[in-house]
Protein backbone atom coordinates (compact mmCIF):
# COMPACT_ATOMS: atom_id res chain seq x y z
CA MET A 1 56.30 93.84 -190.81
CA LEU A 2 56.71 90.55 -191.10
CA ARG A 3 57.04 90.92 -186.13
CA THR A 4 53.24 91.76 -186.59
CA VAL A 5 52.53 89.02 -189.00
CA LEU A 6 54.05 86.84 -186.46
CA THR A 7 52.95 88.46 -183.35
CA LEU A 8 48.77 88.57 -185.07
CA PHE A 9 49.18 84.81 -185.90
CA LEU A 10 50.49 83.60 -182.48
CA CYS A 11 47.75 85.50 -180.33
CA LEU A 12 45.00 84.25 -182.82
CA MET A 13 46.17 81.22 -182.97
CA LEU A 14 47.26 80.40 -179.14
CA GLY A 15 45.09 82.80 -177.09
CA PRO A 16 46.12 82.29 -173.83
CA LEU A 17 49.99 82.44 -174.32
CA ALA A 18 49.34 85.99 -174.66
CA LEU A 19 52.60 88.44 -173.59
CA ALA A 20 52.43 89.13 -170.15
CA ASP A 21 52.09 92.82 -168.89
CA SER A 22 55.81 94.35 -168.59
CA GLY A 23 56.90 95.81 -165.26
CA ASP A 24 60.05 97.20 -163.76
CA PRO A 25 62.93 95.94 -165.42
CA PRO A 26 64.46 92.98 -163.38
CA ARG A 27 67.56 93.76 -161.36
CA TYR A 28 70.18 90.97 -160.76
CA ALA A 29 73.32 90.85 -158.75
CA LEU A 30 76.32 88.57 -158.36
CA ILE A 31 77.86 89.19 -154.87
CA ILE A 32 81.51 87.70 -154.31
CA GLY A 33 83.32 88.14 -150.93
CA ASN A 34 86.21 86.13 -150.61
CA SER A 35 87.79 86.20 -147.13
CA SER A 36 88.97 82.26 -145.83
CA TYR A 37 92.09 81.99 -148.74
CA GLN A 38 93.57 78.97 -148.13
CA GLN A 39 96.87 80.25 -148.58
CA THR A 40 98.57 80.93 -145.20
CA GLY A 41 98.24 84.58 -144.42
CA TRP A 42 95.98 85.26 -147.13
CA GLN A 43 92.86 85.50 -145.03
CA LEU A 44 90.75 88.58 -144.83
CA ALA A 45 88.71 89.83 -142.38
CA ASN A 46 85.85 91.66 -143.65
CA PRO A 47 84.76 90.84 -147.43
CA ALA A 48 82.38 87.90 -146.59
CA ARG A 49 81.01 90.50 -144.23
CA ASP A 50 80.78 93.16 -146.98
CA ALA A 51 79.47 90.39 -149.22
CA ARG A 52 76.60 89.52 -147.09
CA LEU A 53 76.12 93.37 -146.44
CA MET A 54 75.48 94.33 -150.28
CA ALA A 55 73.55 91.78 -150.68
CA ASP A 56 70.74 92.70 -148.04
CA THR A 57 71.35 96.27 -149.17
CA LEU A 58 70.23 95.19 -152.97
CA GLY A 59 68.03 93.67 -151.77
CA LYS A 60 66.10 95.62 -150.10
CA VAL A 61 66.24 97.87 -153.91
CA GLY A 62 64.64 95.00 -155.76
CA PHE A 63 67.86 93.09 -156.74
CA SER A 64 67.38 89.36 -157.42
CA VAL A 65 70.85 88.08 -155.53
CA ASP A 66 73.25 85.37 -155.98
CA LEU A 67 75.61 85.57 -153.02
CA VAL A 68 78.53 83.91 -153.38
CA LEU A 69 81.05 83.36 -150.53
CA ASP A 70 84.25 82.31 -150.35
CA GLY A 71 84.16 81.49 -153.99
CA THR A 72 86.65 79.22 -155.88
CA GLU A 73 87.99 79.20 -159.26
CA GLU A 74 84.88 76.67 -160.55
CA GLU A 75 82.56 78.64 -158.27
CA MET A 76 83.64 81.90 -159.38
CA GLU A 77 83.95 81.07 -162.84
CA ARG A 78 80.09 79.61 -163.04
CA ALA A 79 78.67 82.01 -161.07
CA PHE A 80 80.01 85.18 -163.67
CA ALA A 81 78.54 82.76 -166.56
CA SER A 82 75.62 81.82 -164.81
CA HIS A 83 75.10 86.17 -164.16
CA GLY A 84 75.48 86.75 -167.62
CA ALA A 85 72.50 84.04 -168.91
CA ARG A 86 70.20 85.42 -166.02
CA LEU A 87 71.07 88.97 -167.65
CA LYS A 88 70.25 87.54 -170.76
CA ALA A 89 66.76 86.09 -169.95
CA GLY A 90 66.16 89.20 -168.69
CA GLY A 91 66.12 91.00 -171.38
CA PRO A 92 67.49 94.36 -172.88
CA ALA A 93 66.14 96.47 -169.89
CA ALA A 94 67.41 94.18 -167.17
CA ILE A 95 69.71 95.59 -164.54
CA GLY A 96 72.78 93.54 -164.13
CA LEU A 97 75.30 94.35 -160.85
CA ILE A 98 78.37 92.15 -159.44
CA TYR A 99 80.28 93.63 -156.62
CA TYR A 100 83.62 91.53 -156.14
CA ALA A 101 85.32 92.04 -152.34
CA GLY A 102 88.69 90.24 -151.75
CA HIS A 103 91.99 90.29 -153.10
CA GLY A 104 92.34 91.38 -156.78
CA VAL A 105 95.89 91.98 -158.47
CA GLN A 106 97.14 93.24 -161.44
CA SER A 107 99.33 91.64 -163.91
CA GLN A 108 100.39 93.20 -167.27
CA GLY A 109 97.81 95.95 -167.19
CA LEU A 110 94.85 93.08 -166.53
CA ASN A 111 92.90 92.19 -163.49
CA TYR A 112 92.56 89.14 -161.48
CA LEU A 113 89.76 88.45 -159.11
CA VAL A 114 91.33 86.00 -157.19
CA PRO A 115 89.37 83.15 -155.56
CA VAL A 116 90.08 81.79 -151.94
CA ASP A 117 91.89 77.58 -153.38
CA ALA A 118 94.25 79.84 -155.49
CA ASN A 119 97.52 78.45 -154.94
CA ALA A 120 99.95 80.88 -155.95
CA ARG A 121 103.29 82.10 -155.62
CA SER A 122 103.96 83.77 -158.96
CA GLU A 123 102.09 85.99 -160.95
CA GLN A 124 102.13 83.36 -163.33
CA ASP A 125 100.37 81.18 -161.19
CA ILE A 126 97.90 83.68 -160.91
CA TRP A 127 97.32 83.46 -164.44
CA ARG A 128 96.47 80.32 -164.36
CA GLN A 129 94.29 80.22 -161.46
CA ALA A 130 92.39 83.34 -161.24
CA PRO A 131 89.53 84.51 -162.91
CA ARG A 132 89.83 87.42 -164.95
CA LEU A 133 88.05 90.69 -164.64
CA GLY A 134 87.72 91.32 -168.49
CA ASP A 135 86.13 87.59 -168.79
CA ALA A 136 83.74 88.60 -166.62
CA LEU A 137 82.90 91.53 -168.49
CA ARG A 138 82.07 89.55 -171.79
CA TYR A 139 79.58 87.38 -169.89
CA VAL A 140 77.81 90.98 -169.25
CA GLU A 141 78.65 92.27 -172.91
CA HIS A 142 77.29 89.28 -174.67
CA ALA A 143 74.04 89.30 -172.26
CA GLY A 144 72.91 92.96 -174.22
CA ASN A 145 71.47 94.60 -171.21
CA ALA A 146 71.58 98.11 -171.13
CA VAL A 147 72.44 99.31 -167.69
CA ASN A 148 75.11 97.48 -165.67
CA PHE A 149 77.37 98.35 -163.09
CA VAL A 150 80.91 96.39 -161.74
CA ILE A 151 82.07 97.57 -158.31
CA LEU A 152 85.29 96.14 -157.38
CA ASP A 153 86.21 96.18 -153.54
CA ALA A 154 89.56 93.89 -154.34
CA CYS A 155 92.11 96.17 -153.77
CA ARG A 156 92.85 95.50 -150.33
CA ASP A 157 96.63 94.29 -151.10
CA ASN A 158 98.99 92.09 -153.28
CA PRO A 159 99.02 88.91 -151.96
CA LEU A 160 101.84 87.42 -153.33
CA PRO A 161 105.53 87.39 -152.21
CA SER A 162 107.47 90.79 -153.20
CA ALA A 163 109.81 89.58 -155.60
CA THR A 164 107.50 87.91 -157.78
CA ARG A 165 105.16 90.25 -158.40
CA SER A 166 104.89 93.95 -160.48
CA ALA A 167 105.48 97.20 -159.38
CA ALA A 168 102.15 98.29 -160.04
CA GLY A 169 100.11 98.14 -156.63
CA GLY A 170 96.08 97.88 -156.97
CA LEU A 171 93.83 97.67 -159.92
CA ALA A 172 94.61 98.93 -163.64
CA GLU A 173 91.86 100.98 -164.49
CA VAL A 174 89.29 99.28 -167.39
CA LYS A 175 87.77 101.74 -169.30
CA PRO A 176 83.70 101.06 -169.62
CA ALA A 177 81.59 100.07 -172.75
CA ARG A 178 78.26 101.72 -173.25
CA GLY A 179 76.14 101.21 -170.51
CA LEU A 180 78.26 99.79 -167.56
CA LEU A 181 79.51 101.73 -164.87
CA ILE A 182 82.68 100.39 -163.51
CA SER A 183 83.54 101.48 -159.46
CA TYR A 184 86.90 100.77 -157.18
CA SER A 185 87.30 100.62 -153.77
CA THR A 186 90.15 103.30 -154.85
CA ALA A 187 91.96 104.80 -156.88
CA PRO A 188 94.06 102.73 -160.19
CA GLY A 189 97.10 101.61 -159.22
CA TYR A 190 96.41 101.93 -154.88
CA VAL A 191 95.51 99.93 -152.35
CA ALA A 192 92.24 100.08 -150.21
CA TYR A 193 91.82 99.12 -146.69
CA ASP A 194 90.19 96.33 -145.31
CA GLY A 195 88.88 97.95 -142.29
CA GLU A 196 88.91 97.78 -138.51
CA GLY A 197 85.58 97.19 -137.80
CA GLY A 198 83.13 94.41 -139.35
CA ASN A 199 82.90 96.38 -142.69
CA SER A 200 85.22 98.11 -145.62
CA THR A 201 84.99 101.69 -145.44
CA PHE A 202 84.05 101.47 -149.32
CA ALA A 203 81.68 98.58 -148.15
CA LEU A 204 79.99 101.04 -145.27
CA ALA A 205 79.80 103.98 -147.24
CA LEU A 206 78.56 102.20 -150.42
CA ALA A 207 75.24 100.37 -148.46
CA GLU A 208 74.54 103.42 -146.88
CA THR A 209 74.03 105.93 -149.85
CA ILE A 210 72.71 103.15 -152.38
CA GLY A 211 69.75 103.43 -150.63
CA GLN A 212 68.39 106.60 -150.60
CA GLN A 213 66.05 107.84 -153.16
CA ASN A 214 66.59 110.45 -155.96
CA LEU A 215 70.38 110.08 -156.56
CA ILE A 216 71.44 108.81 -159.87
CA ALA A 217 73.82 105.97 -160.26
CA GLU A 218 76.71 109.00 -160.45
CA GLN A 219 75.79 110.49 -157.19
CA VAL A 220 75.60 107.56 -155.18
CA PHE A 221 79.48 106.56 -156.31
CA LYS A 222 80.60 110.57 -156.10
CA ARG A 223 79.43 110.73 -152.60
CA VAL A 224 80.58 107.20 -151.41
CA ALA A 225 84.46 108.36 -153.19
CA ASP A 226 83.60 111.58 -151.05
CA ARG A 227 82.73 109.85 -148.03
CA VAL A 228 85.83 107.48 -148.18
CA ASN A 229 87.79 110.12 -148.69
CA GLN A 230 86.65 111.95 -145.35
CA SER A 231 87.07 109.10 -143.02
CA THR A 232 90.39 108.00 -144.33
CA ASN A 233 92.15 111.46 -143.85
CA GLY A 234 92.96 111.13 -147.77
CA LEU A 235 94.39 108.05 -147.64
CA GLN A 236 92.15 106.19 -149.83
CA THR A 237 89.93 107.97 -152.47
CA PRO A 238 87.53 105.97 -154.44
CA PHE A 239 87.03 105.88 -158.03
CA TYR A 240 84.60 105.41 -160.20
CA ASN A 241 84.28 105.38 -164.62
CA SER A 242 81.35 105.45 -166.41
CA GLY A 243 79.74 104.94 -169.42
CA LEU A 244 75.92 104.86 -168.70
CA THR A 245 73.83 106.32 -171.68
CA GLY A 246 69.96 107.38 -171.57
CA ALA A 247 67.72 107.65 -168.62
CA ASP A 248 69.49 108.45 -165.31
CA PHE A 249 69.08 105.25 -163.21
CA CYS A 250 68.57 105.46 -159.73
CA PHE A 251 68.52 102.46 -156.93
CA ALA A 252 66.19 103.52 -154.98
CA GLY A 253 63.74 105.03 -156.93
CA CYS A 254 63.75 108.91 -159.14
CA ASN A 255 62.17 111.62 -158.74
CA GLY A 256 60.10 110.87 -155.72
CA GLY A 257 58.61 107.45 -157.98
CA ALA A 258 57.96 104.54 -155.97
CA ALA A 259 60.33 102.73 -154.73
CA PRO A 260 61.54 99.26 -155.91
CA GLN A 261 60.02 96.52 -153.89
CA PRO A 262 62.46 94.75 -151.82
CA VAL A 263 63.39 91.01 -152.52
CA PRO A 264 64.61 89.27 -149.80
CA VAL A 265 67.79 88.03 -149.73
CA SER A 266 67.38 84.84 -147.75
CA SER A 267 65.32 83.83 -150.18
CA SER A 268 67.26 84.59 -153.89
CA ALA A 269 70.77 84.04 -152.47
CA VAL A 270 72.80 81.35 -154.08
CA SER A 271 75.64 81.03 -150.89
CA HIS A 272 78.68 79.04 -152.77
CA GLY A 273 81.51 77.93 -150.56
CA ALA A 274 85.35 76.57 -150.61
CA ARG A 275 85.29 72.84 -150.79
CA ASN A 276 88.18 73.08 -148.42
CA SER A 277 87.89 76.15 -146.24
CA VAL A 278 86.60 77.07 -143.31
CA SER A 279 83.51 76.52 -142.52
CA ARG A 280 80.28 79.60 -142.72
CA SER A 281 77.81 79.80 -139.76
CA ALA A 282 75.01 78.02 -140.12
CA GLY A 283 72.82 81.09 -140.76
CA ASP A 284 74.53 80.83 -144.72
CA ALA A 285 72.17 80.17 -147.28
CA ALA A 286 72.41 76.77 -148.37
CA GLU A 287 74.65 75.50 -150.91
CA THR A 288 73.13 75.52 -154.81
CA SER A 289 73.97 75.64 -158.27
CA PRO A 290 74.64 78.67 -160.13
CA ASP A 291 72.30 76.93 -163.01
CA ALA A 292 69.62 76.41 -160.87
CA ASP A 293 67.25 79.13 -161.04
CA THR A 294 68.47 80.52 -163.96
CA ALA A 295 65.23 81.77 -166.21
CA PRO A 296 66.34 80.51 -169.62
CA ALA A 297 67.24 82.14 -172.84
CA PHE A 298 64.80 80.52 -175.58
CA THR A 299 60.84 79.44 -174.76
CA GLU A 300 59.58 76.01 -174.89
CA VAL A 301 57.34 76.06 -177.64
CA SER A 302 54.38 74.27 -179.32
CA SER A 303 54.65 73.30 -182.36
CA LEU A 304 52.91 76.37 -183.61
CA LEU A 305 55.53 78.47 -182.28
CA ARG A 306 57.67 76.14 -184.12
CA THR A 307 56.42 76.78 -187.28
CA ALA A 308 56.55 80.84 -186.53
CA ALA A 309 60.07 80.35 -185.98
CA PHE A 310 60.41 78.61 -189.62
CA MET A 311 57.82 80.90 -190.98
CA ALA A 312 60.37 83.90 -190.05
CA ALA A 313 63.15 82.02 -191.61
CA GLU A 314 61.78 81.70 -194.74
CA ALA A 315 60.76 85.38 -195.06
CA GLY A 316 63.90 86.83 -193.43
CA GLY A 317 63.04 87.76 -189.85
CA ASP A 318 65.11 88.78 -187.14
CA VAL A 319 66.77 86.48 -185.22
CA SER A 320 65.19 86.96 -182.11
CA GLU A 321 61.45 85.15 -184.55
CA ARG A 322 63.56 82.29 -185.10
CA LYS A 323 64.63 81.11 -181.72
CA PHE A 324 62.40 77.92 -180.01
CA ARG A 325 63.07 75.34 -177.51
CA ASP A 326 60.52 71.85 -177.88
CA CYS A 327 61.00 70.84 -174.85
CA THR A 328 62.68 71.84 -170.99
CA ASN A 329 65.53 69.09 -171.40
CA CYS A 330 65.81 70.00 -175.21
CA PRO A 331 69.09 72.88 -176.65
CA ASP A 332 67.85 75.67 -177.78
CA MET A 333 67.55 76.09 -181.62
CA VAL A 334 67.29 78.11 -184.47
CA ALA A 335 65.70 78.06 -187.31
CA LEU A 336 67.55 79.31 -190.23
CA PRO A 337 66.68 80.22 -194.35
CA GLY A 338 67.34 77.88 -196.83
CA GLY A 339 69.59 78.93 -199.92
CA GLU A 340 72.59 78.43 -201.91
CA PHE A 341 76.55 78.68 -201.35
CA MET A 342 79.62 77.78 -202.43
CA MET A 343 80.48 75.04 -200.21
CA GLY A 344 84.66 74.74 -199.43
CA SER A 345 87.59 77.41 -200.38
CA PRO A 346 88.93 79.15 -203.68
CA GLU A 347 92.28 79.04 -204.56
CA THR A 348 92.92 82.20 -203.82
CA GLU A 349 92.33 81.71 -200.25
CA LYS A 350 95.25 82.21 -197.23
CA GLU A 351 96.94 78.95 -196.08
CA ARG A 352 93.53 76.54 -197.83
CA LYS A 353 94.07 72.80 -197.73
CA ASP A 354 93.76 70.20 -200.82
CA ASN A 355 90.54 68.95 -199.46
CA GLU A 356 88.58 72.15 -199.16
CA GLY A 357 88.30 72.38 -202.87
CA PRO A 358 86.89 72.12 -205.84
CA GLN A 359 84.15 74.02 -204.99
CA TRP A 360 80.29 73.26 -205.71
CA ARG A 361 77.11 75.37 -205.50
CA ALA A 362 75.18 73.19 -202.52
CA THR A 363 71.63 74.03 -202.07
CA ILE A 364 70.15 73.74 -198.53
CA GLU A 365 67.03 73.36 -197.42
CA SER A 366 65.47 74.93 -194.28
CA PHE A 367 66.48 73.48 -190.67
CA ALA A 368 67.07 74.70 -187.48
CA ALA A 369 70.15 74.32 -185.50
CA SER A 370 71.13 74.54 -182.06
CA ALA A 371 72.54 77.54 -180.82
CA THR A 372 75.39 76.43 -179.31
CA GLU A 373 77.24 73.50 -178.54
CA ILE A 374 75.94 71.13 -176.57
CA THR A 375 76.91 71.50 -173.33
CA TRP A 376 78.09 68.85 -170.30
CA GLY A 377 74.78 69.79 -168.51
CA GLN A 378 72.43 68.72 -171.42
CA ILE A 379 74.59 65.29 -171.50
CA ASN A 380 74.83 65.13 -167.92
CA THR A 381 70.96 65.05 -168.07
CA CYS A 382 70.74 62.34 -170.74
CA ILE A 383 72.54 60.06 -168.37
CA ALA A 384 70.37 60.91 -165.58
CA ALA A 385 67.92 59.96 -167.01
CA GLY A 386 68.72 56.54 -168.41
CA GLY A 387 69.53 57.59 -171.67
CA CYS A 388 73.44 58.43 -173.11
CA ALA A 389 74.53 54.40 -171.68
CA GLY A 390 77.97 53.56 -171.68
CA ASN A 391 78.37 57.33 -172.49
CA GLU A 392 82.70 57.73 -171.41
CA ALA A 393 83.32 61.25 -172.33
CA GLY A 394 83.50 62.52 -168.58
CA ALA A 395 85.82 59.63 -167.29
CA GLU A 396 88.16 60.88 -170.67
CA THR A 397 88.53 64.43 -170.39
CA ARG A 398 91.20 65.68 -167.98
CA SER A 399 90.23 68.24 -165.83
CA ASP A 400 87.02 68.20 -163.73
CA GLN A 401 87.49 72.09 -164.50
CA TRP A 402 86.37 71.22 -168.33
CA GLN A 403 83.35 69.25 -167.35
CA GLN A 404 81.02 72.23 -166.04
CA SER A 405 77.48 72.25 -167.14
CA ALA A 406 77.58 75.22 -169.19
CA LEU A 407 80.91 74.39 -171.10
CA PRO A 408 80.53 72.46 -174.16
CA VAL A 409 80.76 68.24 -173.95
CA ILE A 410 84.17 67.85 -175.24
CA ASN A 411 85.94 64.19 -176.10
CA ILE A 412 82.35 62.47 -176.59
CA THR A 413 82.72 59.65 -179.24
CA TRP A 414 81.02 59.98 -183.05
CA VAL A 415 78.89 57.13 -181.51
CA GLU A 416 78.06 58.73 -178.04
CA ALA A 417 76.87 61.83 -179.70
CA LYS A 418 74.03 59.49 -181.46
CA ALA A 419 72.81 57.90 -178.46
CA TYR A 420 72.01 61.65 -177.01
CA ILE A 421 70.25 62.54 -179.79
CA ASP A 422 68.32 59.22 -179.73
CA TRP A 423 67.08 59.96 -176.27
CA LEU A 424 66.40 63.34 -177.31
CA ASN A 425 64.35 62.07 -180.06
CA THR A 426 62.23 60.25 -177.03
CA LEU A 427 61.52 63.62 -175.22
CA VAL A 428 59.20 65.33 -178.80
CA GLU A 429 57.13 64.32 -181.59
CA GLY A 430 57.13 65.00 -185.66
CA GLU A 431 61.12 65.55 -187.40
CA PRO A 432 63.91 64.06 -185.64
CA TYR A 433 66.61 65.60 -184.26
CA ARG A 434 69.68 64.49 -185.98
CA LEU A 435 73.62 65.58 -187.39
CA LEU A 436 73.63 68.28 -188.76
CA SER A 437 75.23 67.58 -192.72
CA GLU A 438 78.67 68.79 -193.45
CA ALA A 439 77.14 71.18 -196.00
CA GLU A 440 74.22 72.29 -193.93
CA TRP A 441 77.31 72.76 -191.25
CA GLU A 442 79.28 75.24 -193.61
CA TYR A 443 75.99 76.83 -194.42
CA ALA A 444 75.06 77.65 -190.98
CA ALA A 445 78.52 78.52 -190.00
CA ARG A 446 79.36 81.17 -192.88
CA ALA A 447 75.51 82.72 -192.30
CA GLY A 448 75.98 84.53 -196.19
CA THR A 449 79.70 85.11 -196.28
CA THR A 450 81.76 84.28 -198.51
CA THR A 451 85.19 85.17 -197.07
CA PRO A 452 87.73 82.92 -194.72
CA PHE A 453 85.74 84.02 -191.26
CA ASN A 454 81.52 84.39 -190.80
CA THR A 455 83.55 87.82 -189.14
CA GLY A 456 85.41 88.66 -192.54
CA GLU A 457 88.82 88.34 -193.82
CA THR A 458 90.49 88.20 -189.76
CA LEU A 459 89.23 86.85 -186.67
CA THR A 460 90.26 88.56 -183.14
CA ASP A 461 89.96 86.34 -179.47
CA THR A 462 86.78 88.82 -178.86
CA GLN A 463 84.86 86.71 -181.33
CA ALA A 464 86.18 83.24 -181.14
CA ASN A 465 87.98 81.15 -178.88
CA PHE A 466 91.42 79.58 -180.27
CA ASN A 467 95.02 80.29 -180.57
CA ALA A 468 94.97 84.45 -181.43
CA THR A 469 98.96 84.25 -180.09
CA ARG A 470 99.32 83.41 -184.14
CA SER A 471 98.04 86.12 -186.76
CA TYR A 472 96.04 85.26 -189.83
CA ASN A 473 95.54 87.93 -192.81
CA ASP A 474 97.66 90.78 -190.53
CA SER A 475 94.97 90.37 -187.47
CA PRO A 476 95.64 91.81 -184.37
CA ARG A 477 97.26 89.02 -181.74
CA GLY A 478 95.14 88.32 -178.86
CA SER A 479 95.09 85.82 -176.12
CA TRP A 480 94.80 82.29 -176.31
CA PRO A 481 92.48 80.91 -173.08
CA ARG A 482 93.88 77.23 -173.53
CA ARG A 483 90.65 75.48 -172.59
CA PRO A 484 87.23 75.35 -173.69
CA MET A 485 84.54 78.51 -173.16
CA PRO A 486 81.14 78.10 -171.96
CA ALA A 487 78.58 77.88 -174.18
CA GLY A 488 77.54 80.98 -176.23
CA TYR A 489 79.99 82.94 -174.71
CA TYR A 490 81.14 84.47 -178.15
CA PRO A 491 78.68 86.61 -180.08
CA ALA A 492 76.39 84.54 -182.50
CA ASN A 493 76.83 85.46 -186.21
CA ALA A 494 74.33 86.50 -188.66
CA PHE A 495 72.14 83.38 -188.44
CA GLY A 496 72.36 83.07 -184.44
CA LEU A 497 74.47 80.77 -183.97
CA HIS A 498 78.06 80.98 -181.27
CA GLU A 499 81.09 79.77 -181.47
CA MET A 500 81.05 78.09 -185.17
CA HIS A 501 84.61 79.05 -185.59
CA GLY A 502 86.73 77.43 -182.51
CA ASN A 503 86.19 76.61 -179.17
CA VAL A 504 85.62 72.92 -179.77
CA ALA A 505 85.46 71.03 -183.32
CA GLU A 506 81.78 69.62 -184.36
CA TRP A 507 80.98 65.74 -185.71
CA VAL A 508 78.37 66.04 -188.63
CA ALA A 509 76.96 63.03 -190.09
CA ASP A 510 78.71 63.00 -192.99
CA CYS A 511 81.71 60.40 -194.06
CA SER A 512 84.56 62.24 -194.13
CA VAL A 513 86.14 62.67 -197.83
CA ARG A 514 89.19 63.71 -199.09
CA SER A 515 87.82 66.18 -201.33
CA TYR A 516 84.09 67.37 -203.31
CA LEU A 517 85.10 65.93 -206.78
CA GLY A 518 82.02 65.77 -208.52
CA ARG A 519 79.51 67.43 -205.64
CA PHE A 520 76.70 69.50 -207.07
CA GLY A 521 72.86 70.24 -206.22
CA THR A 522 71.18 69.79 -204.07
CA ALA A 523 73.39 69.16 -200.37
CA THR A 524 72.61 65.46 -198.86
CA VAL A 525 74.52 63.75 -196.27
CA TYR A 526 77.30 61.60 -197.59
CA ASP A 527 77.55 58.32 -196.10
CA GLU A 528 79.56 54.39 -196.73
CA ARG A 529 78.45 51.75 -195.64
CA ASN A 530 80.79 50.62 -192.60
CA CYS A 531 82.01 54.10 -192.37
CA ARG A 532 83.87 54.54 -189.82
CA THR A 533 85.46 57.71 -190.49
CA ARG A 534 83.51 61.16 -189.53
CA ALA A 535 83.56 64.68 -190.63
CA VAL A 536 84.38 66.99 -188.07
CA ARG A 537 84.67 70.77 -188.61
CA GLY A 538 84.93 74.31 -186.73
CA GLY A 539 88.47 73.51 -185.70
CA SER A 540 89.02 74.03 -181.73
CA TRP A 541 90.28 75.92 -178.85
CA GLU A 542 93.75 74.46 -179.04
CA LYS A 543 94.00 75.89 -183.28
CA VAL A 544 95.53 78.57 -184.60
CA PRO A 545 93.77 81.09 -187.11
CA SER A 546 93.66 79.46 -190.10
CA TYR A 547 92.58 75.91 -188.61
CA VAL A 548 89.23 77.44 -187.80
CA ARG A 549 88.43 78.73 -190.73
CA SER A 550 84.62 78.49 -192.32
CA ALA A 551 86.44 75.31 -194.71
CA ILE A 552 88.24 73.86 -192.68
CA ARG A 553 87.59 70.12 -192.67
CA ASP A 554 89.43 67.06 -190.87
CA GLY A 555 88.26 63.79 -189.97
CA PHE A 556 88.27 61.32 -186.79
CA PRO A 557 87.57 57.61 -185.96
CA ASP A 558 83.36 57.06 -185.01
CA THR A 559 84.56 55.79 -182.16
CA GLY A 560 87.32 58.61 -181.36
CA ARG A 561 87.43 60.65 -178.10
CA ASP A 562 89.53 64.15 -178.43
CA ASP A 563 89.34 67.26 -176.01
CA GLY A 564 89.26 69.56 -178.76
CA ILE A 565 86.36 67.53 -180.33
CA GLY A 566 81.79 68.29 -179.26
CA PHE A 567 78.56 68.49 -181.60
CA ARG A 568 75.29 70.87 -182.30
CA VAL A 569 72.33 69.05 -183.23
CA ALA A 570 70.16 70.29 -186.16
CA ARG A 571 65.91 69.50 -186.90
CA ASP A 572 63.90 69.91 -190.04
CA ARG A 573 60.75 71.78 -189.98
CA GLU A 574 57.74 69.52 -189.90
């Protein structure tokens, strides 16, 4: 009912802003081919050629292709993030595909896709320098689209010295999630062949089969397996695992229907290259930022649509109805309903800190918060536009790898965060952007829960970025990335906000105080004249689980920097 009312409201008020007719679902492909490895003896003849072949093939069946040739670790990580963003922007009906050709290594049951700038002499080096297949799959999972393919022509050999690598060859089998088909160029645990001609046997078979009409996806990969097995005299047998559900999908069209319109690769490909790798031919596409043509997940809106988002929040509407973006360079925002909650932790909460009490009932007015922490890309846009004068966050961050546009900004002072907000307010009219109050932050983090985390009594490494090698309330132990992850990487809470636990801690507006003694009623910012220590909430990537609970709080000098502190922004209803 609410959705119908809001739709009618917008149609009546906006007229020309009616929804566009929906056509065929968009198709997005990320193609990576790594041949020119910088390590002596690691070079492969065909992956780059295989990638070009697959890019051309998929373009002919309607895929918009991002092509990465000889990708470095950074370029591959950015490409996976960009692919996930494109899928999310395309909506639930979007079709996604990842094709990787190059070195792939299995270690302790996990699969690693080796970038061309890897300087690896041991498995431990691979852990630090190669993107995990599981991380790429998380971007796909979080996009929320219904049909995805991951194709791995990545088992050609293990380049590590035999004395330093595990006995297992090839890649480990990955059980696909619902809506995901994973294809391997050979059976798990076996090694594929690079091919003696211009392309690998697997890539040739796939390119020749995928363009045939009336072949559903599972039939395509079955026929590819048969062809490769025959052409290699049984030495190589591709393998696939399908979690596809619902209607059949045909790459080139089903049941005699019209084939998808070709998409010229020359106009859609984004070709990257290792900064220090062998030069590519002049015919390769020019190097372009992977974020350059990524459509926004949120819609830029007028004040009427922002009002509608707040109306939806107050009426209990879905997150999809509460999203808005005020301007091109503004952050993605989510309107939150007002309400009451108990701020702080009960004395019975495990590993509770003294500064988390006494609990008090706080009343929160409706407000909007950025869906994610503010990113380096957003800060750099501010700097390029002449705002954020004097910002030195980048100079204080220890690794360029941690300054990618999709990653949350870190090492930013409270004063610099306010400067970004001041610049943001020059772009909009009405109620200004601001930092969240400490009470608003905890209200937003809890999203209606009273447990230590908005996920319940426990938190896992699939839900947040923290030191998951430590357990809380007998939660299962997991991995620890040991670095910030891209904004929006982990699932949103019930309010539609990402990374409220871990990733980076967040500056809020309040002065840091030792307790909540004397607090009650409507929540307001607690400030003091000449305050120099500001509250920090949420915990960061480097913290154990007890230090990323909803109630955890800390303080830090307003001119201090830390590689685990960033921020998000808020805005009131006009």
